[in-house]
Amino acid sequence: MAPNRAPMKHLQCPTCKHMFRQLTLHICPEEPPIAAWLAETLPSPTRTGYIITLREYEAIEQPVVGAPVLKRVYGSWEGTAARFGLKCPPAKGGRKAAMEKRGDPGGIDPASMAELHRLAQELHGGAFGPSRSEYLRFAGGTVLTAFGLEKRFGGSWRAVLTAAGLRGGTRSEYHHAARGRRKEHQANQNERGSLDRGDEAISRETVGLPVLPNPRRLASGGVAWMVR
C-alpha cells in the first residue's frame, strides 16, 4: 500500500498576492524591475495609450516574463493593459466595433465601478474586491451585470477587478469571509429565537376573544360560551 502523501500547499506571492504551488519558480510581474520593463515594453509604438498585441508580445525574444504569467496574474491581456494604464486595440468588426459605433467607450461604467468598490469595502474592508458570486448576490443598482463586465475583459473576473484597481482575493480569503457572514447570520437568528414571551409586542394573555367564565349547557349536550 502506497504511503499517503501530504497535499502540496499553495503559497502566496508577497508582491502580487497570488497563490502558487511552486512559488520559487514564479516570476512576479509586480517586482519593481520587471514592472518597469513591462511599463516600457507594453505601450504600442504606433498607437498612443494602447498596448501592443498579444502576438507582438509573444514575438519578443526572451521576454523578462512570459505572456501566460501576465494573463494569470492580471486575468487576461485586457487586464494586463489596464494594470499599466493602457487600452487594448479594438478588433476589426464584432462587438467592440459595435460599441464604438454607438459611443460606448467600453471598460467599467461609473456605476459598476462604484459598486465594486462599495462591495470591496463592506465585505472585505477594502482589502480585496468581491468575488463574482458575491457581486451576483449583493450588487444592486448597477448598469452592467457580472457577465457584462466579464465580456469586456476577455471573460475574466480577475481582469475586471484589476481594471477597477482592486486585488482579487484568494479562495481561502473568500471562504473565510463567507464563513464569517454565515456565523453572523446564525448569531442573529439565535438572538431572535431566544426572546422571552414577555418581550413580545402583544401579550399572549390578551390574544383571542374575551368570554364569560361560566359556559351554558345545551340540550344536545354541547357547551356554549358567551362572548363579551
Protein backbone atom coordinates (compact mmCIF):
# COMPACT_ATOMS: atom_id res chain seq x y z
CA MET A 1 0.00 0.00 0.00
CA ALA A 2 1.47 3.33 -1.06
CA PRO A 3 2.09 5.83 1.78
CA ASN A 4 -0.27 8.79 2.00
CA ARG A 5 1.34 11.92 0.70
CA ALA A 6 0.50 15.28 2.17
CA PRO A 7 -1.14 17.58 -0.40
CA MET A 8 1.14 20.25 -1.79
CA LYS A 9 0.30 23.61 -0.26
CA HIS A 10 -0.20 26.76 -2.30
CA LEU A 11 1.95 29.67 -1.20
CA GLN A 12 1.12 33.33 -1.72
CA CYS A 13 3.46 35.64 -3.58
CA PRO A 14 4.06 38.62 -1.24
CA THR A 15 4.16 41.03 -4.20
CA CYS A 16 1.23 40.12 -6.49
CA LYS A 17 -0.73 38.27 -3.74
CA HIS A 18 -1.48 35.27 -5.99
CA MET A 19 -1.20 31.64 -4.88
CA PHE A 20 1.28 29.23 -6.48
CA ARG A 21 2.25 25.64 -5.82
CA GLN A 22 5.88 26.29 -6.70
CA LEU A 23 6.46 29.83 -5.53
CA THR A 24 10.21 29.60 -6.09
CA LEU A 25 9.59 29.25 -9.85
CA HIS A 26 7.20 32.19 -10.03
CA ILE A 27 8.43 35.28 -11.89
CA CYS A 28 6.33 38.09 -10.45
CA PRO A 29 5.42 40.93 -12.84
CA GLU A 30 4.88 43.22 -9.84
CA GLU A 31 8.56 43.12 -8.88
CA PRO A 32 9.81 46.70 -9.45
CA PRO A 33 12.45 45.86 -12.12
CA ILE A 34 10.03 43.64 -14.05
CA ALA A 35 7.16 46.14 -13.73
CA ALA A 36 9.46 48.87 -15.03
CA TRP A 37 10.44 46.72 -18.02
CA LEU A 38 6.78 45.99 -18.77
CA ALA A 39 5.84 49.66 -18.48
CA GLU A 40 8.47 50.41 -21.14
CA THR A 41 7.75 47.42 -23.38
CA LEU A 42 3.96 47.13 -23.41
CA PRO A 43 2.92 50.52 -24.89
CA SER A 44 2.35 50.40 -28.65
CA PRO A 45 4.90 52.48 -30.60
CA THR A 46 2.27 53.38 -33.19
CA ARG A 47 -0.88 53.92 -31.07
CA THR A 48 -0.53 56.19 -28.07
CA GLY A 49 -2.27 54.86 -24.99
CA TYR A 50 -2.69 51.31 -26.36
CA ILE A 51 -0.92 48.07 -25.52
CA ILE A 52 0.89 46.04 -28.13
CA THR A 53 -1.00 42.99 -29.31
CA LEU A 54 -0.52 39.65 -27.62
CA ARG A 55 1.02 38.30 -30.81
CA GLU A 56 3.56 41.16 -30.82
CA TYR A 57 4.47 40.46 -27.21
CA GLU A 58 4.89 36.75 -27.82
CA ALA A 59 7.24 37.60 -30.72
CA ILE A 60 9.68 39.29 -28.33
CA GLU A 61 12.79 37.16 -27.90
CA GLN A 62 13.38 36.12 -24.30
CA PRO A 63 10.93 38.44 -22.54
CA VAL A 64 11.52 39.06 -18.86
CA VAL A 65 8.16 37.46 -18.06
CA GLY A 66 6.00 35.27 -20.28
CA ALA A 67 2.54 36.13 -21.54
CA PRO A 68 0.90 33.19 -19.66
CA VAL A 69 2.15 34.63 -16.36
CA LEU A 70 0.75 38.05 -17.22
CA LYS A 71 -2.64 36.60 -18.12
CA ARG A 72 -2.73 34.52 -14.94
CA VAL A 73 -1.83 37.41 -12.64
CA TYR A 74 -3.95 40.07 -14.38
CA GLY A 75 -6.71 37.82 -15.66
CA SER A 76 -6.36 38.50 -19.39
CA TRP A 77 -4.46 40.62 -21.90
CA GLU A 78 -7.08 43.33 -21.36
CA GLY A 79 -6.40 43.12 -17.63
CA THR A 80 -2.67 43.45 -18.30
CA ALA A 81 -3.33 46.57 -20.34
CA ALA A 82 -5.50 48.05 -17.59
CA ARG A 83 -2.80 47.37 -14.97
CA PHE A 84 -0.35 49.55 -16.90
CA GLY A 85 -2.86 52.23 -17.78
CA LEU A 86 -3.30 51.11 -21.39
CA LYS A 87 -6.15 50.06 -23.64
CA CYS A 88 -6.42 47.09 -25.96
CA PRO A 89 -6.71 47.96 -29.66
CA PRO A 90 -10.29 47.41 -30.87
CA ALA A 91 -10.88 44.38 -33.04
CA LYS A 92 -11.98 44.88 -36.62
CA GLY A 93 -15.72 44.31 -36.59
CA GLY A 94 -17.57 42.39 -33.91
CA ARG A 95 -18.71 43.54 -30.50
CA LYS A 96 -16.05 46.19 -29.87
CA ALA A 97 -16.70 47.86 -33.20
CA ALA A 98 -20.43 47.94 -32.43
CA MET A 99 -19.71 49.50 -29.03
CA GLU A 100 -17.60 52.23 -30.60
CA LYS A 101 -20.28 52.91 -33.20
CA ARG A 102 -22.89 53.60 -30.50
CA GLY A 103 -20.46 55.70 -28.48
CA ASP A 104 -19.79 53.16 -25.75
CA PRO A 105 -16.18 53.63 -24.54
CA GLY A 106 -16.06 50.13 -23.02
CA GLY A 107 -14.33 49.37 -19.75
CA ILE A 108 -16.23 49.70 -16.48
CA ASP A 109 -19.05 52.21 -16.27
CA PRO A 110 -19.02 54.58 -13.25
CA ALA A 111 -22.00 52.92 -11.53
CA SER A 112 -20.45 49.45 -11.69
CA MET A 113 -17.06 50.84 -10.62
CA ALA A 114 -18.65 52.43 -7.54
CA GLU A 115 -20.50 49.19 -6.76
CA LEU A 116 -17.32 47.10 -6.98
CA HIS A 117 -15.56 49.40 -4.53
CA ARG A 118 -18.58 49.51 -2.20
CA LEU A 119 -18.70 45.72 -2.00
CA ALA A 120 -14.94 45.52 -1.51
CA GLN A 121 -15.24 47.87 1.46
CA GLU A 122 -18.37 46.36 3.02
CA LEU A 123 -17.49 42.68 2.52
CA HIS A 124 -13.71 42.73 2.88
CA GLY A 125 -12.75 46.01 4.48
CA GLY A 126 -11.26 47.21 1.20
CA ALA A 127 -8.51 44.57 1.29
CA PHE A 128 -9.65 42.96 -1.98
CA GLY A 129 -12.53 43.04 -4.43
CA PRO A 130 -15.71 40.96 -4.38
CA SER A 131 -15.80 37.54 -5.97
CA ARG A 132 -18.06 37.00 -8.96
CA SER A 133 -20.62 35.15 -6.84
CA GLU A 134 -20.56 37.94 -4.22
CA TYR A 135 -21.16 40.52 -6.95
CA LEU A 136 -24.08 38.50 -8.29
CA ARG A 137 -25.61 38.19 -4.82
CA PHE A 138 -25.00 41.59 -3.25
CA ALA A 139 -24.67 44.12 -6.09
CA GLY A 140 -27.57 46.44 -6.66
CA GLY A 141 -28.32 49.35 -8.93
CA THR A 142 -25.53 48.59 -11.37
CA VAL A 143 -25.66 49.20 -15.09
CA LEU A 144 -23.63 46.14 -16.06
CA THR A 145 -24.09 42.58 -14.79
CA ALA A 146 -21.15 40.37 -13.84
CA PHE A 147 -21.42 38.65 -17.21
CA GLY A 148 -21.49 42.01 -18.99
CA LEU A 149 -18.38 43.17 -17.16
CA GLU A 150 -16.54 39.93 -17.90
CA LYS A 151 -17.31 40.18 -21.61
CA ARG A 152 -15.48 43.50 -21.70
CA PHE A 153 -12.37 41.94 -20.21
CA GLY A 154 -11.95 38.70 -22.08
CA GLY A 155 -14.33 36.69 -19.88
CA SER A 156 -12.14 37.07 -16.78
CA TRP A 157 -13.49 38.35 -13.45
CA ARG A 158 -9.96 38.88 -12.18
CA ALA A 159 -9.35 41.21 -15.12
CA VAL A 160 -12.46 43.17 -14.12
CA LEU A 161 -11.11 43.63 -10.59
CA THR A 162 -7.70 44.64 -11.93
CA ALA A 163 -9.28 47.26 -14.18
CA ALA A 164 -11.19 48.57 -11.15
CA GLY A 165 -7.96 48.90 -9.19
CA LEU A 166 -8.86 46.06 -6.83
CA ARG A 167 -6.97 42.93 -5.85
CA GLY A 168 -8.64 39.61 -6.44
CA GLY A 169 -8.93 37.59 -3.25
CA THR A 170 -7.65 34.07 -2.83
CA ARG A 171 -10.01 31.11 -2.49
CA SER A 172 -9.25 30.86 1.22
CA GLU A 173 -9.92 34.58 1.73
CA TYR A 174 -13.34 34.35 0.08
CA HIS A 175 -14.12 31.16 2.02
CA HIS A 176 -13.16 32.82 5.30
CA ALA A 177 -15.32 35.86 4.52
CA ALA A 178 -18.33 33.71 3.62
CA ARG A 179 -17.94 31.68 6.81
CA GLY A 180 -17.84 34.89 8.84
CA ARG A 181 -21.07 36.09 7.24
CA ARG A 182 -22.76 32.74 8.00
CA LYS A 183 -21.69 32.92 11.64
CA GLU A 184 -23.01 36.45 11.97
CA HIS A 185 -26.32 35.44 10.38
CA GLN A 186 -26.65 32.44 12.70
CA ALA A 187 -25.88 34.59 15.74
CA ASN A 188 -28.65 36.99 14.73
CA GLN A 189 -31.07 34.07 14.29
CA ASN A 190 -30.17 32.66 17.71
CA GLU A 191 -30.64 36.03 19.35
CA ARG A 192 -34.02 36.44 17.70
CA GLY A 193 -35.12 32.95 18.81
CA SER A 194 -34.07 33.49 22.44
CA LEU A 195 -36.57 36.30 23.12
CA ASP A 196 -38.73 35.73 26.20
CA ARG A 197 -42.51 35.76 25.93
CA GLY A 198 -42.50 39.00 27.89
CA ASP A 199 -40.57 40.65 25.04
CA GLU A 200 -43.38 40.15 22.55
CA ALA A 201 -45.20 43.22 21.32
CA ILE A 202 -48.63 41.80 22.27
CA SER A 203 -49.23 39.86 25.45
CA ARG A 204 -50.31 36.27 24.88
CA GLU A 205 -52.85 36.64 27.74
CA THR A 206 -54.92 39.06 25.67
CA VAL A 207 -54.84 37.15 22.40
CA GLY A 208 -58.27 35.84 21.25
CA LEU A 209 -61.88 36.75 22.07
CA PRO A 210 -62.89 37.56 25.70
CA VAL A 211 -65.61 35.18 27.05
CA LEU A 212 -67.69 34.89 30.19
CA PRO A 213 -66.28 32.44 32.77
CA ASN A 214 -69.36 30.16 33.06
CA PRO A 215 -70.41 28.13 29.97
CA ARG A 216 -74.06 27.24 29.28
CA ARG A 217 -75.15 23.64 28.80
CA LEU A 218 -77.13 22.90 25.67
CA ALA A 219 -79.93 20.33 25.36
CA SER A 220 -77.84 18.45 22.85
CA GLY A 221 -75.12 18.00 25.45
CA GLY A 222 -72.81 20.63 23.99
CA VAL A 223 -71.40 23.70 25.70
CA ALA A 224 -71.97 27.32 24.69
CA TRP A 225 -69.64 30.14 25.70
CA MET A 226 -70.92 33.69 25.93
CA VAL A 227 -68.71 36.27 24.21
CA ARG A 228 -68.49 39.66 25.86
